[in-house]
């Protein structure tokens, strides 16, 4: 999936601007394109994970605290 420019710009995590996080950009892209809701009550982290975990950007990730933290930060 091609990322829109907002997602590309935000793919760089604030804490380490030298390393691009493809999962962060992918999740932001889903939020911007309204494929996942901003409100976690409408689609919790587990459902987001189960829906999109087969995408390349999820390689090397687990549904755990780190994934949930990224998603929560993007939703704020």
Protein backbone atom coordinates (compact mmCIF):
# COMPACT_ATOMS: atom_id res chain seq x y z
CA UNK A 1 0.00 0.00 0.00
CA UNK A 2 1.40 3.39 -0.96
CA UNK A 3 1.55 5.82 1.95
CA UNK A 4 0.16 9.31 1.63
CA UNK A 5 2.58 12.14 2.47
CA UNK A 6 1.24 12.67 6.00
CA UNK A 7 2.00 9.05 6.83
CA UNK A 8 5.43 9.21 5.21
CA UNK A 9 6.38 12.26 7.29
CA UNK A 10 5.14 10.64 10.51
CA UNK A 11 6.86 7.32 9.87
CA UNK A 12 9.90 8.72 11.63
CA UNK A 13 9.43 8.14 15.34
CA UNK A 14 9.99 11.27 17.44
CA UNK A 15 12.45 9.55 19.79
CA UNK A 16 14.81 8.43 17.03
CA UNK A 17 14.56 10.61 13.97
CA UNK A 18 17.30 8.69 12.18
CA UNK A 19 15.38 5.43 11.90
CA UNK A 20 12.17 5.11 9.87
CA UNK A 21 9.50 2.87 11.37
CA UNK A 22 7.43 1.38 8.52
CA UNK A 23 4.76 0.06 10.90
CA UNK A 24 4.20 3.52 12.36
CA UNK A 25 3.74 5.01 8.89
CA UNK A 26 1.46 2.17 7.82
CA UNK A 27 -0.78 2.58 10.88
CA UNK A 28 -0.94 6.34 10.43
CA UNK A 29 -1.86 5.85 6.80
CA UNK A 30 -4.74 3.59 7.88
CA UNK A 31 -5.91 6.27 10.33
CA UNK A 32 -5.64 9.10 7.78
CA UNK A 33 -7.53 7.09 5.17
CA UNK A 34 -10.12 6.15 7.83
CA UNK A 35 -9.57 2.42 7.38
CA UNK A 36 -9.22 2.18 11.16
CA UNK A 37 -11.10 4.50 13.51
CA UNK A 38 -9.35 6.99 15.78
CA UNK A 39 -11.48 5.79 18.71
CA UNK A 40 -10.09 2.55 20.10
CA UNK A 41 -13.52 1.55 21.40
CA UNK A 42 -14.68 1.13 17.79
CA UNK A 43 -11.69 -1.03 16.82
CA UNK A 44 -9.31 -2.10 19.54
CA UNK A 45 -5.61 -2.89 19.06
CA UNK A 46 -6.25 -6.63 18.89
CA UNK A 47 -8.73 -6.22 16.03
CA UNK A 48 -6.34 -3.87 14.20
CA UNK A 49 -3.59 -6.45 14.64
CA UNK A 50 -5.75 -9.36 13.47
CA UNK A 51 -6.98 -7.40 10.45
CA UNK A 52 -3.63 -6.17 9.16
CA UNK A 53 -0.90 -8.40 10.67
CA UNK A 54 -0.26 -10.17 7.35
CA UNK A 55 1.03 -6.93 5.79
CA UNK A 56 4.79 -6.62 5.20
CA UNK A 57 5.08 -3.69 7.64
CA UNK A 58 4.18 -6.03 10.52
CA UNK A 59 7.16 -8.32 9.90
CA UNK A 60 9.17 -8.77 13.07
CA UNK A 61 6.45 -7.31 15.30
CA UNK A 62 4.25 -8.97 17.90
CA UNK A 63 0.90 -7.89 19.26
CA UNK A 64 2.26 -6.57 22.52
CA UNK A 65 2.95 -3.45 24.51
CA UNK A 66 5.19 -1.86 21.88
CA UNK A 67 2.61 -2.26 19.08
CA UNK A 68 -0.18 -1.00 21.32
CA UNK A 69 1.91 2.00 22.39
CA UNK A 70 2.55 3.05 18.77
CA UNK A 71 -1.13 2.70 17.89
CA UNK A 72 -2.23 4.58 21.02
CA UNK A 73 0.21 7.44 20.33
CA UNK A 74 -1.01 7.77 16.75
CA UNK A 75 -4.62 7.82 17.86
CA UNK A 76 -4.03 10.70 20.31
